[in-house]
C-alpha atoms as a PDB file:
ATOM      1  CA  MET A   1     -75.894  11.775 -13.969  1.00  0.00           C
ATOM      2  CA  ASN A   2     -72.173  11.873 -14.617  1.00  0.00           C
ATOM      3  CA  ARG A   3     -70.931  15.107 -16.033  1.00  0.00           C
ATOM      4  CA  ARG A   4     -67.728  15.220 -18.005  1.00  0.00           C
ATOM      5  CA  ARG A   5     -65.102  17.344 -16.373  1.00  0.00           C
ATOM      6  CA  PRO A   6     -63.862  20.230 -18.506  1.00  0.00           C
ATOM      7  CA  PRO A   7     -60.421  19.740 -19.891  1.00  0.00           C
ATOM      8  CA  ARG A   8     -57.725  20.810 -17.529  1.00  0.00           C
ATOM      9  CA  SER A   9     -56.005  24.054 -18.584  1.00  0.00           C
ATOM     10  CA  ALA A  10     -52.287  23.718 -19.014  1.00  0.00           C
ATOM     11  CA  SER A  11     -50.313  25.466 -16.411  1.00  0.00           C
ATOM     12  CA  ALA A  12     -47.744  28.254 -17.364  1.00  0.00           C
ATOM     13  CA  ASP A  13     -44.923  25.989 -16.516  1.00  0.00           C
ATOM     14  CA  GLU A  14     -46.275  23.257 -18.787  1.00  0.00           C
ATOM     15  CA  LEU A  15     -46.821  25.843 -21.690  1.00  0.00           C
ATOM     16  CA  LEU A  16     -43.259  27.058 -21.193  1.00  0.00           C
ATOM     17  CA  THR A  17     -41.821  23.592 -21.258  1.00  0.00           C
ATOM     18  CA  THR A  18     -43.796  22.797 -24.580  1.00  0.00           C
ATOM     19  CA  LEU A  19     -42.404  25.971 -26.001  1.00  0.00           C
ATOM     20  CA  HIS A  20     -38.945  25.305 -25.081  1.00  0.00           C
ATOM     21  CA  GLU A  21     -39.248  21.721 -26.646  1.00  0.00           C
ATOM     22  CA  LEU A  22     -40.622  23.009 -29.892  1.00  0.00           C
ATOM     23  CA  THR A  23     -38.008  25.871 -30.089  1.00  0.00           C
ATOM     24  CA  ALA A  24     -35.203  23.390 -29.411  1.00  0.00           C
ATOM     25  CA  GLN A  25     -36.594  21.058 -32.183  1.00  0.00           C
ATOM     26  CA  ALA A  26     -36.813  23.905 -34.641  1.00  0.00           C
ATOM     27  CA  ARG A  27     -33.205  24.911 -33.910  1.00  0.00           C
ATOM     28  CA  ARG A  28     -32.081  21.448 -34.566  1.00  0.00           C
ATOM     29  CA  GLU A  29     -33.764  21.294 -37.879  1.00  0.00           C
ATOM     30  CA  VAL A  30     -32.379  24.742 -38.934  1.00  0.00           C
ATOM     31  CA  GLU A  31     -28.892  23.552 -37.919  1.00  0.00           C
ATOM     32  CA  LEU A  32     -29.258  20.419 -39.881  1.00  0.00           C
ATOM     33  CA  HIS A  33     -30.478  22.210 -42.953  1.00  0.00           C
ATOM     34  CA  GLN A  34     -27.604  24.699 -42.679  1.00  0.00           C
ATOM     35  CA  ALA A  35     -25.164  21.866 -42.435  1.00  0.00           C
ATOM     36  CA  ARG A  36     -26.482  20.264 -45.478  1.00  0.00           C
ATOM     37  CA  VAL A  37     -26.395  23.614 -47.309  1.00  0.00           C
ATOM     38  CA  GLU A  38     -22.795  24.203 -46.304  1.00  0.00           C
ATOM     39  CA  LEU A  39     -21.718  20.791 -47.393  1.00  0.00           C
ATOM     40  CA  ALA A  40     -23.475  21.303 -50.723  1.00  0.00           C
ATOM     41  CA  GLU A  41     -21.755  24.761 -51.178  1.00  0.00           C
ATOM     42  CA  ALA A  42     -18.360  23.129 -50.271  1.00  0.00           C
ATOM     43  CA  LEU A  43     -18.859  20.449 -52.946  1.00  0.00           C
ATOM     44  CA  GLN A  44     -19.858  23.091 -55.536  1.00  0.00           C
ATOM     45  CA  ARG A  45     -16.788  25.283 -54.759  1.00  0.00           C
ATOM     46  CA  ASN A  46     -14.260  22.294 -54.942  1.00  0.00           C
ATOM     47  CA  MET A  47     -15.881  21.007 -58.084  1.00  0.00           C
ATOM     48  CA  LEU A  48     -15.693  24.104 -60.195  1.00  0.00           C
ATOM     49  CA  PRO A  49     -12.297  25.157 -61.635  1.00  0.00           C
ATOM     50  CA  ALA A  50     -10.484  28.041 -59.742  1.00  0.00           C
ATOM     51  CA  HIS A  51      -8.982  29.220 -63.163  1.00  0.00           C
ATOM     52  CA  LEU A  52      -9.769  28.764 -66.939  1.00  0.00           C
ATOM     53  CA  PRO A  53      -6.992  28.575 -69.575  1.00  0.00           C
ATOM     54  CA  ASP A  54      -6.595  31.150 -72.078  1.00  0.00           C
ATOM     55  CA  LEU A  55      -4.188  32.351 -74.866  1.00  0.00           C
ATOM     56  CA  PRO A  56      -2.996  35.297 -76.575  1.00  0.00           C
ATOM     57  CA  GLY A  57      -6.016  36.596 -78.489  1.00  0.00           C
ATOM     58  CA  LEU A  58      -8.454  34.460 -76.314  1.00  0.00           C
ATOM     59  CA  ARG A  59      -9.731  35.453 -73.001  1.00  0.00           C
ATOM     60  CA  THR A  60     -12.027  33.570 -70.812  1.00  0.00           C
ATOM     61  CA  ALA A  61     -14.383  34.088 -67.841  1.00  0.00           C
ATOM     62  CA  ALA A  62     -17.142  32.011 -66.135  1.00  0.00           C
ATOM     63  CA  ARG A  63     -19.818  32.743 -63.565  1.00  0.00           C
ATOM     64  CA  TYR A  64     -22.143  30.686 -61.413  1.00  0.00           C
ATOM     65  CA  THR A  65     -25.121  31.588 -59.293  1.00  0.00           C
ATOM     66  CA  PRO A  66     -27.077  29.183 -57.151  1.00  0.00           C
ATOM     67  CA  ALA A  67     -30.840  28.338 -57.197  1.00  0.00           C
ATOM     68  CA  ARG A  68     -33.226  30.107 -55.010  1.00  0.00           C
ATOM     69  CA  SER A  69     -35.021  26.914 -53.910  1.00  0.00           C
ATOM     70  CA  GLY A  70     -33.815  23.547 -52.595  1.00  0.00           C
ATOM     71  CA  LEU A  71     -30.308  23.679 -51.000  1.00  0.00           C
ATOM     72  CA  ASP A  72     -29.294  26.709 -53.098  1.00  0.00           C
ATOM     73  CA  ILE A  73     -26.834  24.405 -54.991  1.00  0.00           C
ATOM     74  CA  GLY A  74     -27.055  22.374 -58.159  1.00  0.00           C
ATOM     75  CA  GLY A  75     -25.465  20.549 -61.120  1.00  0.00           C
ATOM     76  CA  ASP A  76     -24.604  23.302 -63.279  1.00  0.00           C
ATOM     77  CA  TRP A  77     -20.886  23.292 -64.165  1.00  0.00           C
ATOM     78  CA  TYR A  78     -18.223  24.661 -66.406  1.00  0.00           C
ATOM     79  CA  ASP A  79     -14.610  23.670 -67.131  1.00  0.00           C
ATOM     80  CA  GLY A  80     -11.523  24.450 -69.303  1.00  0.00           C
ATOM     81  CA  PHE A  81      -8.666  22.122 -70.072  1.00  0.00           C
ATOM     82  CA  PRO A  82      -5.716  21.502 -72.532  1.00  0.00           C
ATOM     83  CA  LEU A  83      -6.225  18.798 -75.166  1.00  0.00           C
ATOM     84  CA  PRO A  84      -3.550  16.386 -76.321  1.00  0.00           C
ATOM     85  CA  ASP A  85      -3.196  18.184 -79.748  1.00  0.00           C
ATOM     86  CA  GLY A  86      -2.262  21.425 -78.334  1.00  0.00           C
ATOM     87  CA  SER A  87      -5.807  22.920 -78.613  1.00  0.00           C
ATOM     88  CA  LEU A  88      -7.973  24.043 -75.584  1.00  0.00           C
ATOM     89  CA  GLY A  89     -11.283  22.345 -74.451  1.00  0.00           C
ATOM     90  CA  PHE A  90     -14.014  24.060 -72.737  1.00  0.00           C
ATOM     91  CA  ALA A  91     -17.351  22.630 -71.401  1.00  0.00           C
ATOM     92  CA  ILE A  92     -20.568  23.596 -69.769  1.00  0.00           C
ATOM     93  CA  GLY A  93     -23.253  21.489 -68.473  1.00  0.00           C
ATOM     94  CA  ASP A  94     -26.421  20.940 -66.471  1.00  0.00           C
ATOM     95  CA  VAL A  95     -27.336  17.909 -64.184  1.00  0.00           C
ATOM     96  CA  GLN A  96     -30.939  17.140 -63.436  1.00  0.00           C
ATOM     97  CA  GLY A  97     -31.930  18.609 -60.019  1.00  0.00           C
ATOM     98  CA  HIS A  98     -30.235  20.942 -57.439  1.00  0.00           C
ATOM     99  CA  ASP A  99     -29.200  19.103 -54.312  1.00  0.00           C
ATOM    100  CA  VAL A 100     -26.122  17.274 -52.980  1.00  0.00           C
ATOM    101  CA  GLU A 101     -26.722  14.316 -55.347  1.00  0.00           C
ATOM    102  CA  ALA A 102     -26.762  16.533 -58.326  1.00  0.00           C
ATOM    103  CA  ALA A 103     -23.739  18.355 -57.269  1.00  0.00           C
ATOM    104  CA  ALA A 104     -21.789  14.959 -56.574  1.00  0.00           C
ATOM    105  CA  PHE A 105     -22.884  13.651 -60.133  1.00  0.00           C
ATOM    106  CA  MET A 106     -21.603  16.986 -61.621  1.00  0.00           C
ATOM    107  CA  GLY A 107     -18.192  16.147 -60.021  1.00  0.00           C
ATOM    108  CA  GLN A 108     -18.224  12.690 -61.487  1.00  0.00           C
ATOM    109  CA  ILE A 109     -18.913  14.199 -64.981  1.00  0.00           C
ATOM    110  CA  ARG A 110     -16.276  16.818 -64.632  1.00  0.00           C
ATOM    111  CA  ILE A 111     -13.556  14.389 -63.537  1.00  0.00           C
ATOM    112  CA  GLY A 112     -14.480  11.869 -66.030  1.00  0.00           C
ATOM    113  CA  MET A 113     -14.506  14.137 -68.854  1.00  0.00           C
ATOM    114  CA  ARG A 114     -11.101  15.612 -67.904  1.00  0.00           C
ATOM    115  CA  ALA A 115      -9.632  12.212 -67.858  1.00  0.00           C
ATOM    116  CA  ILE A 116     -11.162  11.427 -71.355  1.00  0.00           C
ATOM    117  CA  ALA A 117      -9.893  14.745 -72.671  1.00  0.00           C
ATOM    118  CA  THR A 118      -6.202  13.634 -72.005  1.00  0.00           C
ATOM    119  CA  THR A 119      -6.485  11.091 -74.754  1.00  0.00           C
ATOM    120  CA  ALA A 120      -9.126  12.768 -76.995  1.00  0.00           C
ATOM    121  CA  SER A 121      -9.447  16.134 -78.690  1.00  0.00           C
ATOM    122  CA  ASP A 122     -12.540  15.739 -80.748  1.00  0.00           C
ATOM    123  CA  PRO A 123     -15.574  17.240 -78.786  1.00  0.00           C
ATOM    124  CA  GLY A 124     -18.018  14.645 -80.145  1.00  0.00           C
ATOM    125  CA  GLU A 125     -15.734  11.785 -78.964  1.00  0.00           C
ATOM    126  CA  ILE A 126     -15.167  13.334 -75.669  1.00  0.00           C
ATOM    127  CA  ILE A 127     -18.914  13.747 -75.157  1.00  0.00           C
ATOM    128  CA  GLY A 128     -19.693  10.145 -76.298  1.00  0.00           C
ATOM    129  CA  ARG A 129     -17.028   8.589 -74.121  1.00  0.00           C
ATOM    130  CA  THR A 130     -18.260  10.556 -71.103  1.00  0.00           C
ATOM    131  CA  ASN A 131     -21.829   9.396 -71.747  1.00  0.00           C
ATOM    132  CA  ASN A 132     -20.598   5.707 -71.868  1.00  0.00           C
ATOM    133  CA  LEU A 133     -18.567   6.152 -68.738  1.00  0.00           C
ATOM    134  CA  LEU A 134     -21.553   7.797 -66.650  1.00  0.00           C
ATOM    135  CA  LEU A 135     -23.880   4.828 -67.810  1.00  0.00           C
ATOM    136  CA  SER A 136     -21.425   2.301 -66.324  1.00  0.00           C
ATOM    137  CA  VAL A 137     -21.954   3.845 -62.898  1.00  0.00           C
ATOM    138  CA  ASN A 138     -25.669   3.074 -63.068  1.00  0.00           C
ATOM    139  CA  SER A 139     -26.798   6.666 -61.957  1.00  0.00           C
ATOM    140  CA  THR A 140     -30.542   7.660 -62.185  1.00  0.00           C
ATOM    141  CA  LEU A 141     -29.494  11.126 -63.071  1.00  0.00           C
ATOM    142  CA  PHE A 142     -28.933  12.661 -66.512  1.00  0.00           C
ATOM    143  CA  ALA A 143     -27.121  15.808 -67.706  1.00  0.00           C
ATOM    144  CA  THR A 144     -26.856  18.055 -70.640  1.00  0.00           C
ATOM    145  CA  CYS A 145     -23.624  19.570 -71.857  1.00  0.00           C
ATOM    146  CA  THR A 146     -21.810  21.443 -74.683  1.00  0.00           C
ATOM    147  CA  VAL A 147     -18.080  20.911 -75.368  1.00  0.00           C
ATOM    148  CA  LEU A 148     -15.810  23.296 -77.471  1.00  0.00           C
ATOM    149  CA  ARG A 149     -12.487  22.815 -78.920  1.00  0.00           C
ATOM    150  CA  PHE A 150     -10.486  25.949 -79.740  1.00  0.00           C
ATOM    151  CA  ASP A 151      -7.510  25.695 -82.165  1.00  0.00           C
ATOM    152  CA  PRO A 152      -4.907  28.326 -81.618  1.00  0.00           C
ATOM    153  CA  VAL A 153      -3.368  27.635 -84.996  1.00  0.00           C
ATOM    154  CA  THR A 154      -6.280  27.610 -87.321  1.00  0.00           C
ATOM    155  CA  TRP A 155      -8.540  30.076 -85.050  1.00  0.00           C
ATOM    156  CA  GLU A 156     -11.320  27.545 -85.433  1.00  0.00           C
ATOM    157  CA  ILE A 157     -13.844  26.287 -82.884  1.00  0.00           C
ATOM    158  CA  ASP A 158     -15.297  22.733 -83.004  1.00  0.00           C
ATOM    159  CA  SER A 159     -18.424  22.216 -80.977  1.00  0.00           C
ATOM    160  CA  ALA A 160     -20.709  19.351 -80.020  1.00  0.00           C
ATOM    161  CA  ARG A 161     -23.557  19.118 -77.547  1.00  0.00           C
ATOM    162  CA  ALA A 162     -25.756  16.537 -75.656  1.00  0.00           C
ATOM    163  CA  GLY A 163     -29.187  17.794 -75.236  1.00  0.00           C
ATOM    164  CA  HIS A 164     -28.003  21.340 -74.075  1.00  0.00           C
ATOM    165  CA  VAL A 165     -29.448  24.779 -74.781  1.00  0.00           C
ATOM    166  CA  PRO A 166     -28.053  26.728 -77.673  1.00  0.00           C
ATOM    167  CA  ALA A 167     -25.005  28.966 -77.389  1.00  0.00           C
ATOM    168  CA  VAL A 168     -24.762  32.512 -78.544  1.00  0.00           C
ATOM    169  CA  TRP A 169     -22.140  34.308 -80.767  1.00  0.00           C
ATOM    170  CA  ALA A 170     -21.593  38.088 -80.893  1.00  0.00           C
ATOM    171  CA  LEU A 171     -19.234  40.257 -82.714  1.00  0.00           C
ATOM    172  CA  ALA A 172     -17.823  43.593 -81.619  1.00  0.00           C
ATOM    173  CA  ASP A 173     -19.746  45.406 -84.303  1.00  0.00           C
ATOM    174  CA  GLY A 174     -23.065  44.439 -82.687  1.00  0.00           C
ATOM    175  CA  ARG A 175     -24.100  41.462 -84.673  1.00  0.00           C
ATOM    176  CA  THR A 176     -25.285  38.404 -82.719  1.00  0.00           C
ATOM    177  CA  GLY A 177     -26.850  34.937 -83.397  1.00  0.00           C
ATOM    178  CA  ILE A 178     -27.821  31.745 -81.927  1.00  0.00           C
ATOM    179  CA  ILE A 179     -25.756  28.560 -82.196  1.00  0.00           C
ATOM    180  CA  ASP A 180     -28.453  25.776 -82.463  1.00  0.00           C
ATOM    181  CA  ASP A 181     -26.541  23.001 -84.065  1.00  0.00           C
ATOM    182  CA  ALA A 182     -27.677  19.333 -84.249  1.00  0.00           C
ATOM    183  CA  GLY A 183     -26.773  17.395 -81.137  1.00  0.00           C
ATOM    184  CA  GLY A 184     -27.363  14.160 -79.425  1.00  0.00           C
ATOM    185  CA  LEU A 185     -29.307  12.884 -76.249  1.00  0.00           C
ATOM    186  CA  PRO A 186     -28.313  14.027 -72.895  1.00  0.00           C
ATOM    187  CA  LEU A 187     -25.575  12.157 -71.049  1.00  0.00           C
ATOM    188  CA  GLY A 188     -26.688   9.131 -68.951  1.00  0.00           C
ATOM    189  CA  ILE A 189     -29.692   7.969 -71.070  1.00  0.00           C
ATOM    190  CA  ALA A 190     -28.582   5.596 -73.802  1.00  0.00           C
ATOM    191  CA  GLU A 191     -25.306   3.899 -74.752  1.00  0.00           C
ATOM    192  CA  LYS A 192     -23.127   4.275 -77.789  1.00  0.00           C
ATOM    193  CA  GLN A 193     -24.627   7.654 -78.820  1.00  0.00           C
ATOM    194  CA  ARG A 194     -22.897   9.803 -81.527  1.00  0.00           C
ATOM    195  CA  TYR A 195     -22.552  13.452 -81.084  1.00  0.00           C
ATOM    196  CA  PRO A 196     -22.081  15.546 -84.258  1.00  0.00           C
ATOM    197  CA  VAL A 197     -19.395  18.258 -84.424  1.00  0.00           C
ATOM    198  CA  THR A 198     -19.710  21.582 -86.101  1.00  0.00           C
ATOM    199  CA  ARG A 199     -16.687  23.742 -87.080  1.00  0.00           C
ATOM    200  CA  ARG A 200     -16.389  27.469 -87.282  1.00  0.00           C
ATOM    201  CA  ARG A 201     -13.665  29.835 -88.233  1.00  0.00           C
ATOM    202  CA  LEU A 202     -13.366  32.928 -85.859  1.00  0.00           C
ATOM    203  CA  THR A 203     -13.048  36.001 -88.052  1.00  0.00           C
ATOM    204  CA  GLY A 204     -13.781  39.387 -86.399  1.00  0.00           C
ATOM    205  CA  GLN A 205     -13.387  40.228 -82.761  1.00  0.00           C
ATOM    206  CA  GLY A 206     -16.190  38.945 -80.650  1.00  0.00           C
ATOM    207  CA  ALA A 207     -17.366  36.298 -78.199  1.00  0.00           C
ATOM    208  CA  PHE A 208     -18.852  32.806 -77.914  1.00  0.00           C
ATOM    209  CA  ILE A 209     -21.160  32.497 -74.988  1.00  0.00           C
ATOM    210  CA  LEU A 210     -22.004  29.198 -73.373  1.00  0.00           C
ATOM    211  CA  ILE A 211     -25.045  29.133 -70.802  1.00  0.00           C
ATOM    212  CA  THR A 212     -27.175  26.744 -68.900  1.00  0.00           C
ATOM    213  CA  ASP A 213     -30.855  26.930 -69.059  1.00  0.00           C
ATOM    214  CA  GLY A 214     -31.135  28.661 -65.757  1.00  0.00           C
ATOM    215  CA  VAL A 215     -29.829  31.869 -67.423  1.00  0.00           C
ATOM    216  CA  ILE A 216     -32.597  31.838 -70.043  1.00  0.00           C
ATOM    217  CA  GLU A 217     -35.708  29.865 -68.768  1.00  0.00           C
ATOM    218  CA  GLY A 218     -38.135  30.155 -66.010  1.00  0.00           C
ATOM    219  CA  PRO A 219     -41.761  29.268 -65.034  1.00  0.00           C
ATOM    220  CA  SER A 220     -43.120  32.042 -67.195  1.00  0.00           C
ATOM    221  CA  PHE A 221     -40.081  32.988 -69.164  1.00  0.00           C
ATOM    222  CA  SER A 222     -39.461  31.126 -72.409  1.00  0.00           C
ATOM    223  CA  ILE A 223     -36.002  29.957 -73.706  1.00  0.00           C
ATOM    224  CA  GLU A 224     -36.636  32.223 -76.859  1.00  0.00           C
ATOM    225  CA  LYS A 225     -37.035  35.315 -74.541  1.00  0.00           C
ATOM    226  CA  GLY A 226     -33.920  34.366 -72.530  1.00  0.00           C
ATOM    227  CA  LEU A 227     -31.773  33.953 -75.663  1.00  0.00           C
ATOM    228  CA  GLU A 228     -32.876  37.356 -76.923  1.00  0.00           C
ATOM    229  CA  ALA A 229     -32.118  39.003 -73.576  1.00  0.00           C
ATOM    230  CA  VAL A 230     -28.563  37.396 -73.751  1.00  0.00           C
ATOM    231  CA  MET A 231     -27.909  38.643 -77.335  1.00  0.00           C
ATOM    232  CA  ARG A 232     -29.032  42.085 -76.330  1.00  0.00           C
ATOM    233  CA  ARG A 233     -26.487  42.113 -73.511  1.00  0.00           C
ATOM    234  CA  ALA A 234     -23.784  40.455 -75.799  1.00  0.00           C
ATOM    235  CA  SER A 235     -24.265  42.851 -78.711  1.00  0.00           C
ATOM    236  CA  VAL A 236     -23.349  45.911 -76.430  1.00  0.00           C
ATOM    237  CA  LEU A 237     -20.288  44.162 -74.578  1.00  0.00           C
ATOM    238  CA  ALA A 238     -18.922  41.752 -77.257  1.00  0.00           C
ATOM    239  CA  GLY A 239     -15.807  43.806 -77.509  1.00  0.00           C
ATOM    240  CA  SER A 240     -15.205  44.282 -73.926  1.00  0.00           C
ATOM    241  CA  GLY A 241     -13.433  42.100 -71.271  1.00  0.00           C
ATOM    242  CA  ALA A 242     -14.556  38.655 -70.801  1.00  0.00           C
ATOM    243  CA  GLY A 243     -15.144  39.095 -67.088  1.00  0.00           C
ATOM    244  CA  GLU A 244     -17.408  42.189 -67.678  1.00  0.00           C
ATOM    245  CA  LEU A 245     -19.351  40.272 -70.450  1.00  0.00           C
ATOM    246  CA  ALA A 246     -19.812  37.288 -68.013  1.00  0.00           C
ATOM    247  CA  ASP A 247     -21.053  39.452 -65.240  1.00  0.00           C
ATOM    248  CA  GLU A 248     -23.685  41.047 -67.439  1.00  0.00           C
ATOM    249  CA  ILE A 249     -24.934  37.750 -69.060  1.00  0.00           C
ATOM    250  CA  ILE A 250     -25.388  36.027 -65.560  1.00  0.00           C
ATOM    251  CA  LYS A 251     -27.606  39.009 -64.843  1.00  0.00           C
ATOM    252  CA  ALA A 252     -30.160  37.704 -67.324  1.00  0.00           C
ATOM    253  CA  ALA A 253     -31.071  34.887 -64.997  1.00  0.00           C
ATOM    254  CA  VAL A 254     -32.821  37.384 -62.763  1.00  0.00           C
ATOM    255  CA  LEU A 255     -35.543  37.828 -65.528  1.00  0.00           C
ATOM    256  CA  THR A 256     -36.355  34.149 -65.458  1.00  0.00           C
ATOM    257  CA  GLY A 257     -37.540  34.181 -61.701  1.00  0.00           C
ATOM    258  CA  HIS A 258     -34.195  32.391 -60.953  1.00  0.00           C
ATOM    259  CA  GLU A 259     -35.478  29.088 -59.609  1.00  0.00           C
ATOM    260  CA  ASP A 260     -32.767  27.127 -61.115  1.00  0.00           C
ATOM    261  CA  ASP A 261     -28.957  27.527 -60.566  1.00  0.00           C
ATOM    262  CA  ALA A 262     -27.237  29.010 -63.595  1.00  0.00           C
ATOM    263  CA  ALA A 263     -23.724  29.210 -65.260  1.00  0.00           C
ATOM    264  CA  VAL A 264     -22.126  31.308 -67.943  1.00  0.00           C
ATOM    265  CA  LEU A 265     -18.917  30.661 -69.831  1.00  0.00           C
ATOM    266  CA  VAL A 266     -17.554  33.274 -72.180  1.00  0.00           C
ATOM    267  CA  LEU A 267     -14.732  33.024 -74.661  1.00  0.00           C
ATOM    268  CA  CYS A 268     -13.771  36.514 -75.991  1.00  0.00           C
ATOM    269  CA  HIS A 269     -11.724  36.374 -79.053  1.00  0.00           C
ATOM    270  CA  ASP A 270      -9.687  38.790 -81.250  1.00  0.00           C
ATOM    271  CA  SER A 271      -9.925  38.661 -85.060  1.00  0.00           C
ATOM    272  CA  ALA A 272      -8.086  35.787 -86.560  1.00  0.00           C
ATOM    273  CA  PRO A 273      -4.562  36.104 -87.244  1.00  0.00           C
ATOM    274  CA  GLY A 274      -3.910  37.840 -90.576  1.00  0.00           C
ATOM    275  CA  ARG A 275      -7.299  39.423 -90.616  1.00  0.00           C
ATOM    276  CA  THR A 276      -8.538  42.895 -89.231  1.00  0.00           C
END
């Protein structure tokens, strides 16, 4: 009767060789992942503005914090730019996903919107033309955004949004509210969309706070709870500096579980000229 031989035990040298190969493979995978993360971070840094415009009586600040999953990068963005009628434009947005592709698409949106804003001042028109431009490049991604126009003569803000989360207003006397105006579809979904514009006159000293959903929403944290958290923080600091307020608002992202990247854009304004 033939008996099967027991399996040969691996020698110490063979085990060491296998361990060395596995360690080398793991190191290569870590280095590849790190290279992708560094590339994504470089894309994000170079696609967000180094400075935001401001004017006497208007102070601005923005903050960005990466996601805690994926490549620690994403498509959240903000921007500020002069408009052809002498007013200032501000934008915040959120591209689907958080990877290199989302960061690159975010860059396309920001560059395209800036180019369009050299010939258009109306926020609804800027968003609509940006939407048509993005559809022309046949991307499979979509994005939400809000665009504001601040008029330094009339002290008014015009706003329009494309599927984006509501903004928050706050006055130095502690009053706050949610800006949940009618909007249109996110960018990159359908052609020839119209984006309604809402106009507000700034009166008392306060702040306009634009956010992305990473600041206010998480797996077990609703948008409503997130907006309440932002309003609580804003009610205390609306009369402070823009940077201090932006620092405090971005902290709300921790409450959500912080699985998505997050961005905050703050416009702190004085009372309208001629009013106290």
